[in-house]
Amino acid sequence: MATFTADVYQNEFLPDGGTDVHAIVTISCSGAGEAGQSGSGDAAEIVIVDTSGSMKGSNIVAAQQAAATALDQVLDGVWFAVVAGSHEAKLAYPPDSRSGMVRMDARTRSEAKAAVARFWADGGTAMGTWLALATKLFASVPSATQRHAILLTDGYNQHETPEQLSAAVDAARGRFQCDCRGVGSNWQVAEVRKIATALLGSVDLIADSSDMAADFEQIMRQSMGRGVADARLRVWAPQGAQVIFVRQVSPTVDDLTTRRQEVNALTGAYPTGAWGDESRDYHVAVRLPAKVVGQEQLAARVQVAVDDAVVAQGLVKAMWSNDDTLTTRIDPAVAHYTGQAELAEAIQDGLAAKAAGDTDTATVKLGRAVQLAVETGNEEATTRLRKIVEIEDAGTGTVRLKRSVNKLDEMALDTASTKTTRVKK
């Protein structure tokens, strides 16, 4: 049986009249078990592979191998399907669309791998149709409480409008989780990130198609190791208070603020998706009515709820003081993750400005990114930034844009921008 714990890291002291309380809440899960094995419902998996014309050659061969590798990791008894995506979505397996999805066993695994081996590259790209078919397939298995997909593409969404893609993403939101991967340099990170973020998944670059199978294997193993189908973060704040934001800040940055669902007048629930044996950090910020020195108050109650049952809780506190040595101290975890969130934004804004030809803004933003990466000890981000800019002074964020940059290096920096380093608490 899964066990959750919640640990709070904060400076609870506010100055006279202070209002804003920040805390990092670490949620840890152990004993999660395997997907679909907890008794709370079935698990379902869909592998979505881009089979458009641009996938011809080594990419489609690698995609066949990767899809087969992913299918090998799906546990027996898990519902599954395979979708081939071009300017339309085709159900590659099972062959009879009336059956929806099928359970994994030795026979269906072999048949699905044979279907994958028959993939051919042809047509355009319309990812909204892929998501729409996946949404329909997942809906065909009412018993599935844990629903996950892998989506692979090598291009951008050229055969449907942005509005059509957005509508498909909105229809899929809350229906399933989706980890997205792009192979090569001809896809758009922002477009694929939009899908992954909305569907509580990850986005990453596969620079070399030969790495595809290993990546698919890792994604599917992780999914099969998530025995808790769904958990929600509940944040209670007292009457008169305002929840400023709720963000996941580790292992990746993901702002959950706009996904709040009302539990009651004082409590909101935020989706976190499926869980395995892991820890995640959340930054919770609450604005309280100002109080005077000597008063104290519970600023927030942060809970984890599984199947509407609260399984862990952490308390965020506030105490007003006139001792400057207490009120001016910033908790190290709060400082670290505030910098990491700003780092992700600076990288994405800088690369967007660079792509638009605004070199001045790009230089300022990427310079700030270098400064933050060094301050927060994010060595991976610093290394990736060095491939885009010449660093003159990391401490002040003084940089120069490199004249010649490999597009794959830019995409690697972009996709990795939301990955954070854990703080030592």
Protein backbone atom coordinates (compact mmCIF):
# COMPACT_ATOMS: atom_id res chain seq x y z
CA MET A 1 0.00 0.00 0.00
CA ALA A 2 1.34 3.42 -0.94
CA THR A 3 2.48 5.73 1.84
CA PHE A 4 2.71 9.51 1.37
CA THR A 5 4.53 12.05 3.55
CA ALA A 6 4.62 15.85 3.45
CA ASP A 7 7.51 18.00 4.74
CA VAL A 8 7.39 21.81 4.86
CA TYR A 9 10.38 24.15 4.44
CA GLN A 10 9.78 27.85 5.08
CA ASN A 11 10.63 30.95 7.07
CA GLU A 12 7.46 31.45 9.07
CA PHE A 13 8.46 34.89 10.39
CA LEU A 14 6.93 38.01 8.81
CA PRO A 15 7.62 41.66 9.66
CA ASP A 16 5.00 43.90 11.23
CA GLY A 17 2.31 44.25 8.55
CA GLY A 18 3.85 41.58 6.30
CA THR A 19 1.47 39.55 4.13
CA ASP A 20 3.16 36.99 1.86
CA VAL A 21 4.14 33.51 3.03
CA HIS A 22 6.22 31.16 0.85
CA ALA A 23 6.86 27.49 1.52
CA ILE A 24 8.35 24.50 -0.26
CA VAL A 25 6.35 21.34 0.44
CA THR A 26 8.08 18.05 -0.36
CA ILE A 27 5.66 15.22 -1.08
CA SER A 28 7.15 11.71 -1.03
CA CYS A 29 5.55 8.41 -1.98
CA SER A 30 6.77 4.91 -1.16
CA GLY A 31 5.28 1.46 -1.73
CA ALA A 32 3.36 2.64 -4.81
CA GLY A 33 3.45 -0.77 -6.49
CA GLU A 34 2.77 -1.25 -10.21
CA ALA A 35 0.30 0.28 -12.64
CA GLY A 36 -3.16 -1.28 -12.46
CA GLN A 37 -2.21 -3.55 -9.55
CA SER A 38 -3.55 -1.54 -6.60
CA GLY A 39 -7.16 -2.67 -6.95
CA SER A 40 -8.43 0.88 -7.46
CA GLY A 41 -8.85 0.46 -11.22
CA ASP A 42 -7.13 -0.66 -14.39
CA ALA A 43 -4.20 0.95 -16.21
CA ALA A 44 -4.24 1.84 -19.92
CA GLU A 45 -1.41 2.79 -22.29
CA ILE A 46 -1.33 4.17 -25.83
CA VAL A 47 1.77 4.51 -27.99
CA ILE A 48 1.33 7.30 -30.56
CA VAL A 49 3.91 7.36 -33.35
CA ASP A 50 4.32 9.99 -36.06
CA THR A 51 4.22 8.17 -39.40
CA SER A 52 4.12 11.25 -41.64
CA GLY A 53 6.23 11.46 -44.79
CA SER A 54 9.07 13.29 -43.02
CA MET A 55 9.70 10.18 -40.91
CA LYS A 56 11.02 8.26 -43.94
CA GLY A 57 14.35 6.52 -43.55
CA SER A 58 16.11 6.02 -40.23
CA ASN A 59 13.41 7.76 -38.16
CA ILE A 60 10.58 5.37 -39.04
CA VAL A 61 12.87 2.36 -38.50
CA ALA A 62 13.91 3.71 -35.10
CA ALA A 63 10.27 4.46 -34.28
CA GLN A 64 9.31 0.86 -35.05
CA GLN A 65 12.03 -0.38 -32.71
CA ALA A 66 11.13 2.11 -30.01
CA ALA A 67 7.42 1.29 -30.11
CA ALA A 68 8.20 -2.44 -29.90
CA THR A 69 10.52 -1.80 -26.96
CA ALA A 70 7.82 0.20 -25.18
CA LEU A 71 5.27 -2.59 -25.74
CA ASP A 72 7.71 -5.07 -24.16
CA GLN A 73 7.57 -2.99 -20.94
CA VAL A 74 3.75 -2.89 -20.68
CA LEU A 75 2.61 -5.26 -17.91
CA ASP A 76 0.29 -8.13 -18.71
CA GLY A 77 -3.32 -7.17 -18.04
CA VAL A 78 -2.84 -3.49 -18.89
CA TRP A 79 -5.17 -2.15 -21.58
CA PHE A 80 -3.29 -0.77 -24.58
CA ALA A 81 -3.43 0.43 -28.19
CA VAL A 82 -1.07 1.77 -30.85
CA VAL A 83 -1.86 4.85 -32.96
CA ALA A 84 -0.12 5.77 -36.23
CA GLY A 85 -0.32 9.52 -36.79
CA SER A 86 -0.06 11.56 -39.97
CA HIS A 87 -2.57 14.15 -41.27
CA GLU A 88 -5.06 11.71 -39.78
CA ALA A 89 -4.98 9.25 -36.91
CA LYS A 90 -5.11 5.53 -37.61
CA LEU A 91 -5.57 2.75 -35.11
CA ALA A 92 -2.61 0.49 -35.89
CA TYR A 93 -3.51 -1.99 -33.13
CA PRO A 94 -5.88 -3.55 -32.33
CA PRO A 95 -6.90 -3.92 -35.99
CA ASP A 96 -10.64 -3.88 -35.25
CA SER A 97 -11.57 -0.36 -34.18
CA ARG A 98 -14.81 -1.66 -32.66
CA SER A 99 -12.82 -3.38 -29.91
CA GLY A 100 -11.29 -0.10 -28.71
CA MET A 101 -8.35 -1.22 -26.57
CA VAL A 102 -7.23 -4.72 -25.60
CA ARG A 103 -5.45 -6.20 -22.62
CA MET A 104 -1.77 -6.98 -22.89
CA ASP A 105 -0.77 -10.65 -22.99
CA ALA A 106 1.71 -12.72 -24.98
CA ARG A 107 -0.56 -12.93 -28.03
CA THR A 108 -1.60 -9.28 -28.19
CA ARG A 109 1.96 -8.14 -27.56
CA SER A 110 3.20 -10.20 -30.51
CA GLU A 111 0.40 -8.98 -32.76
CA ALA A 112 0.97 -5.35 -31.80
CA LYS A 113 4.70 -5.59 -32.50
CA ALA A 114 3.91 -7.11 -35.89
CA ALA A 115 1.59 -4.17 -36.62
CA VAL A 116 4.31 -1.71 -35.59
CA ALA A 117 6.75 -3.44 -37.95
CA ARG A 118 4.37 -2.57 -40.82
CA PHE A 119 4.53 1.21 -40.17
CA TRP A 120 5.31 3.26 -43.27
CA ALA A 121 5.97 6.98 -43.58
CA ASP A 122 3.44 8.96 -45.60
CA GLY A 123 1.22 12.01 -45.33
CA GLY A 124 1.30 15.17 -43.21
CA THR A 125 1.03 16.06 -39.52
CA ALA A 126 -2.11 16.81 -37.50
CA MET A 127 -1.42 16.04 -33.86
CA GLY A 128 -4.87 17.12 -32.75
CA THR A 129 -6.36 14.14 -34.57
CA TRP A 130 -3.90 11.83 -32.78
CA LEU A 131 -4.95 13.21 -29.40
CA ALA A 132 -8.64 12.98 -30.32
CA LEU A 133 -8.33 9.29 -31.18
CA ALA A 134 -6.38 8.62 -27.97
CA THR A 135 -9.08 10.40 -25.94
CA LYS A 136 -11.74 8.24 -27.60
CA LEU A 137 -9.77 5.04 -27.01
CA PHE A 138 -9.21 5.76 -23.33
CA ALA A 139 -12.92 6.52 -22.94
CA SER A 140 -13.71 3.04 -24.29
CA VAL A 141 -12.27 1.51 -21.07
CA PRO A 142 -14.30 2.95 -18.17
CA SER A 143 -12.45 0.76 -15.66
CA ALA A 144 -9.12 2.45 -16.47
CA THR A 145 -8.28 4.96 -13.75
CA GLN A 146 -4.65 5.34 -14.81
CA ARG A 147 -4.30 6.47 -18.42
CA HIS A 148 -0.99 7.31 -20.05
CA ALA A 149 0.34 7.85 -23.57
CA ILE A 150 3.66 8.36 -25.30
CA LEU A 151 3.59 10.72 -28.28
CA LEU A 152 6.46 10.92 -30.78
CA THR A 153 6.80 13.45 -33.59
CA ASP A 154 9.50 14.77 -35.90
CA GLY A 155 7.67 17.77 -37.32
CA TYR A 156 5.29 20.61 -36.64
CA ASN A 157 1.51 20.65 -36.81
CA GLN A 158 1.03 21.78 -40.41
CA HIS A 159 -2.22 20.09 -41.42
CA GLU A 160 -4.63 21.59 -38.90
CA THR A 161 -5.06 25.05 -37.38
CA PRO A 162 -3.66 26.04 -33.98
CA GLU A 163 -7.28 26.32 -32.83
CA GLN A 164 -7.98 22.71 -33.83
CA LEU A 165 -4.93 21.50 -31.92
CA SER A 166 -5.91 23.57 -28.87
CA ALA A 167 -9.42 22.12 -28.94
CA ALA A 168 -8.04 18.58 -29.03
CA VAL A 169 -5.65 19.33 -26.16
CA ASP A 170 -8.48 20.82 -24.09
CA ALA A 171 -10.65 17.77 -24.77
CA ALA A 172 -7.82 15.48 -23.61
CA ARG A 173 -6.99 17.51 -20.50
CA GLY A 174 -7.72 15.46 -17.40
CA ARG A 175 -8.48 12.37 -19.51
CA PHE A 176 -4.93 11.04 -19.70
CA GLN A 177 -1.29 11.93 -19.14
CA CYS A 178 1.06 12.20 -22.09
CA ASP A 179 4.85 12.21 -22.31
CA CYS A 180 5.97 13.80 -25.58
CA ARG A 181 9.19 13.34 -27.51
CA GLY A 182 10.49 15.08 -30.60
CA VAL A 183 13.16 13.51 -32.81
CA GLY A 184 15.54 15.62 -34.85
CA SER A 185 15.44 19.39 -35.33
CA ASN A 186 12.30 20.04 -37.40
CA TRP A 187 9.67 20.05 -34.66
CA GLN A 188 8.62 22.99 -32.51
CA VAL A 189 9.37 22.74 -28.81
CA ALA A 190 6.72 25.27 -27.77
CA GLU A 191 4.02 23.40 -29.70
CA VAL A 192 4.85 20.01 -28.21
CA ARG A 193 5.39 21.50 -24.75
CA LYS A 194 1.83 22.85 -24.93
CA ILE A 195 0.56 19.28 -25.26
CA ALA A 196 2.82 17.83 -22.58
CA THR A 197 2.14 20.59 -20.04
CA ALA A 198 -1.63 20.41 -20.45
CA LEU A 199 -1.55 16.62 -20.08
CA LEU A 200 0.78 16.53 -17.04
CA GLY A 201 3.60 14.96 -19.01
CA SER A 202 7.19 15.67 -20.01
CA VAL A 203 8.69 16.99 -23.23
CA ASP A 204 12.18 16.14 -24.40
CA LEU A 205 14.44 16.04 -27.41
CA ILE A 206 15.74 12.86 -29.03
CA ALA A 207 18.61 14.35 -31.02
CA ASP A 208 19.68 11.03 -32.52
CA SER A 209 17.04 8.50 -33.59
CA SER A 210 19.30 5.68 -32.37
CA ASP A 211 18.48 6.81 -28.80
CA MET A 212 14.74 6.48 -29.30
CA ALA A 213 14.28 2.90 -28.09
CA ALA A 214 16.13 3.50 -24.82
CA ASP A 215 14.06 6.63 -24.16
CA PHE A 216 10.77 4.82 -24.86
CA GLU A 217 11.81 1.96 -22.59
CA GLN A 218 12.55 4.38 -19.74
CA ILE A 219 9.26 6.24 -20.16
CA MET A 220 7.20 3.06 -20.17
CA ARG A 221 9.04 1.53 -17.22
CA GLN A 222 8.37 4.68 -15.25
CA SER A 223 4.70 4.60 -16.18
CA MET A 224 4.39 0.93 -15.20
CA GLY A 225 6.02 1.76 -11.84
CA ARG A 226 3.30 4.25 -10.95
CA GLY A 227 0.87 2.24 -8.87
CA VAL A 228 -1.06 5.27 -7.60
CA ALA A 229 -3.34 6.21 -10.48
CA ASP A 230 -4.01 9.79 -9.41
CA ALA A 231 -3.29 12.10 -6.49
CA ARG A 232 -4.34 15.68 -5.89
CA LEU A 233 -2.67 18.43 -3.93
CA ARG A 234 -5.19 20.23 -1.74
CA VAL A 235 -4.39 23.69 -0.42
CA TRP A 236 -6.52 25.23 2.31
CA ALA A 237 -6.06 28.90 3.16
CA PRO A 238 -7.94 30.81 5.90
CA GLN A 239 -10.82 33.19 5.36
CA GLY A 240 -9.56 36.43 3.82
CA ALA A 241 -6.35 34.86 2.48
CA GLN A 242 -5.38 34.47 -1.19
CA VAL A 243 -3.45 31.57 -2.70
CA ILE A 244 -1.03 33.47 -4.96
CA PHE A 245 0.28 30.39 -6.75
CA VAL A 246 0.93 26.65 -6.51
CA ARG A 247 3.85 25.34 -8.57
CA GLN A 248 5.58 22.03 -8.91
CA VAL A 249 9.26 22.98 -8.82
CA SER A 250 10.98 19.59 -8.81
CA PRO A 251 11.77 17.46 -10.72
CA THR A 252 10.39 19.96 -13.25
CA VAL A 253 8.76 23.38 -13.11
CA ASP A 254 5.02 23.26 -13.77
CA ASP A 255 2.63 26.02 -12.69
CA LEU A 256 -0.56 24.41 -11.39
CA THR A 257 -2.25 27.65 -10.27
CA THR A 258 -4.81 27.87 -13.08
CA ARG A 259 -5.79 24.20 -12.67
CA ARG A 260 -7.37 24.78 -9.28
CA GLN A 261 -10.68 23.00 -8.70
CA GLU A 262 -12.83 24.06 -5.78
CA VAL A 263 -13.19 21.52 -2.97
CA ASN A 264 -14.94 24.06 -0.75
CA ALA A 265 -14.87 27.82 -0.19
CA LEU A 266 -11.41 27.72 1.40
CA THR A 267 -9.80 24.72 -0.32
CA GLY A 268 -8.60 24.13 -3.86
CA ALA A 269 -7.37 20.88 -5.44
CA TYR A 270 -4.55 20.73 -7.98
CA PRO A 271 -3.89 17.69 -10.21
CA THR A 272 -0.55 15.89 -9.91
CA GLY A 273 -1.23 12.74 -11.96
CA ALA A 274 0.01 9.23 -11.23
CA TRP A 275 2.71 8.44 -8.66
CA GLY A 276 5.42 5.86 -8.22
CA ASP A 277 8.09 5.71 -5.53
CA GLU A 278 9.32 9.29 -5.81
CA SER A 279 9.48 12.76 -4.29
CA ARG A 280 8.26 16.03 -5.76
CA ASP A 281 8.62 19.58 -4.47
CA TYR A 282 5.86 22.20 -4.61
CA HIS A 283 6.12 25.95 -4.02
CA VAL A 284 3.02 27.33 -2.32
CA ALA A 285 2.58 31.10 -1.85
CA VAL A 286 -0.23 32.58 0.23
CA ARG A 287 -1.13 36.24 0.91
CA LEU A 288 -2.62 36.85 4.35
CA PRO A 289 -4.30 39.91 5.85
CA ALA A 290 -1.55 41.94 7.56
CA LYS A 291 -1.14 41.46 11.30
CA VAL A 292 0.93 43.04 14.04
CA VAL A 293 3.94 41.77 15.96
CA GLY A 294 3.24 38.86 18.28
CA GLN A 295 0.36 37.36 16.34
CA GLU A 296 0.55 34.01 14.60
CA GLN A 297 -1.68 32.16 12.17
CA LEU A 298 -1.96 28.99 10.15
CA ALA A 299 -1.27 30.23 6.61
CA ALA A 300 -2.06 27.07 4.68
CA ARG A 301 -2.82 23.40 5.07
CA VAL A 302 -1.29 21.39 2.21
CA GLN A 303 -2.67 17.88 1.80
CA VAL A 304 -2.34 14.94 -0.57
CA ALA A 305 -5.64 13.28 -1.47
CA VAL A 306 -5.99 9.89 -3.18
CA ASP A 307 -9.53 8.78 -4.06
CA ASP A 308 -10.78 11.75 -1.98
CA ALA A 309 -9.00 10.40 1.12
CA VAL A 310 -6.35 12.64 2.69
CA VAL A 311 -3.14 10.59 2.98
CA ALA A 312 -0.59 13.26 4.04
CA GLN A 313 -0.56 16.80 5.36
CA GLY A 314 1.88 19.66 5.94
CA LEU A 315 1.22 22.93 7.74
CA VAL A 316 2.44 26.33 6.56
CA LYS A 317 2.65 28.83 9.41
CA ALA A 318 2.98 32.58 9.85
CA MET A 319 4.29 34.51 12.86
CA TRP A 320 4.76 38.28 12.94
CA SER A 321 7.96 39.56 14.55
CA ASN A 322 10.01 42.76 14.88
CA ASP A 323 13.29 40.82 14.91
CA ASP A 324 15.00 41.63 11.61
CA THR A 325 17.33 38.64 11.90
CA LEU A 326 14.24 36.41 11.72
CA THR A 327 12.04 38.26 9.24
CA THR A 328 14.71 38.97 6.61
CA ARG A 329 15.93 35.39 6.34
CA ILE A 330 14.87 33.58 3.15
CA ASP A 331 14.51 29.84 3.45
CA PRO A 332 17.20 28.19 1.25
CA ALA A 333 14.68 25.88 -0.46
CA VAL A 334 12.37 28.79 -1.29
CA ALA A 335 15.27 30.86 -2.63
CA HIS A 336 16.60 27.96 -4.70
CA TYR A 337 13.35 27.08 -6.41
CA THR A 338 12.34 30.70 -6.97
CA GLY A 339 15.57 31.01 -8.94
CA GLN A 340 14.93 27.78 -10.83
CA ALA A 341 11.46 28.91 -11.93
CA GLU A 342 12.85 32.25 -13.10
CA LEU A 343 15.66 30.40 -14.89
CA ALA A 344 13.18 28.37 -16.95
CA GLU A 345 11.29 31.52 -17.92
CA ALA A 346 14.47 33.42 -18.82
CA ILE A 347 15.70 30.60 -21.09
CA GLN A 348 12.40 30.25 -22.92
CA ASP A 349 11.94 34.02 -23.32
CA GLY A 350 15.55 34.42 -24.47
CA LEU A 351 15.32 31.71 -27.10
CA ALA A 352 11.97 33.06 -28.34
CA ALA A 353 13.49 36.55 -28.70
CA LYS A 354 16.50 35.11 -30.51
CA ALA A 355 14.24 33.25 -32.95
CA ALA A 356 12.32 36.49 -33.58
CA GLY A 357 15.56 38.38 -34.35
CA ASP A 358 15.42 40.51 -31.18
CA THR A 359 19.06 40.11 -30.22
CA ASP A 360 19.00 42.76 -27.49
CA THR A 361 16.22 41.06 -25.54
CA ALA A 362 17.74 37.63 -26.20
CA THR A 363 21.09 38.77 -24.80
CA VAL A 364 19.50 40.21 -21.65
CA LYS A 365 17.28 37.19 -21.00
CA LEU A 366 19.96 34.57 -21.67
CA GLY A 367 22.42 36.59 -19.61
CA ARG A 368 19.99 36.51 -16.71
CA ALA A 369 19.62 32.76 -17.29
CA VAL A 370 23.37 32.28 -16.98
CA GLN A 371 23.39 34.29 -13.77
CA LEU A 372 20.56 32.24 -12.27
CA ALA A 373 22.01 28.91 -13.40
CA VAL A 374 25.26 29.69 -11.61
CA GLU A 375 23.53 31.05 -8.49
CA THR A 376 21.32 27.97 -8.14
CA GLY A 377 24.06 25.48 -8.95
CA ASN A 378 22.35 24.19 -12.09
CA GLU A 379 25.47 22.96 -13.86
CA GLU A 380 23.52 21.23 -16.64
CA ALA A 381 21.80 24.47 -17.59
CA THR A 382 25.10 26.35 -17.46
CA THR A 383 26.72 23.82 -19.79
CA ARG A 384 23.83 24.04 -22.26
CA LEU A 385 23.84 27.84 -22.15
CA ARG A 386 27.56 27.90 -23.02
CA LYS A 387 26.64 26.39 -26.39
CA ILE A 388 24.37 29.35 -27.13
CA VAL A 389 26.24 32.31 -25.60
CA GLU A 390 29.78 33.40 -24.81
CA ILE A 391 29.88 34.03 -21.07
CA GLU A 392 31.96 37.09 -20.16
CA ASP A 393 30.86 37.43 -16.52
CA ALA A 394 28.51 34.82 -15.07
CA GLY A 395 28.07 36.79 -11.85
CA THR A 396 26.57 39.80 -13.62
CA GLY A 397 24.99 37.84 -16.46
CA THR A 398 27.13 39.50 -19.10
CA VAL A 399 27.04 37.40 -22.27
CA ARG A 400 27.33 37.63 -26.04
CA LEU A 401 25.20 35.61 -28.45
CA LYS A 402 27.22 33.16 -30.50
CA ARG A 403 27.02 33.78 -34.22
CA SER A 404 26.77 30.15 -35.20
CA VAL A 405 24.65 27.83 -33.07
CA ASN A 406 23.55 24.27 -33.72
CA LYS A 407 19.73 24.21 -33.74
CA LEU A 408 19.75 20.94 -31.78
CA ASP A 409 21.70 22.70 -29.00
CA GLU A 410 19.02 25.40 -28.82
CA MET A 411 16.28 22.78 -28.69
CA ALA A 412 18.11 20.81 -26.01
CA LEU A 413 18.38 23.96 -23.89
CA ASP A 414 14.70 24.74 -24.46
CA THR A 415 13.38 21.27 -23.58
CA ALA A 416 15.63 21.04 -20.53
CA SER A 417 14.72 24.51 -19.27
CA THR A 418 12.02 23.25 -16.90
CA LYS A 419 14.21 20.52 -15.37
CA THR A 420 15.44 21.57 -11.96
CA THR A 421 18.15 20.53 -9.54
CA ARG A 422 17.09 19.37 -6.08
CA VAL A 423 18.01 21.60 -3.19
CA LYS A 424 19.81 20.14 -0.19
CA LYS A 425 17.38 20.75 2.65
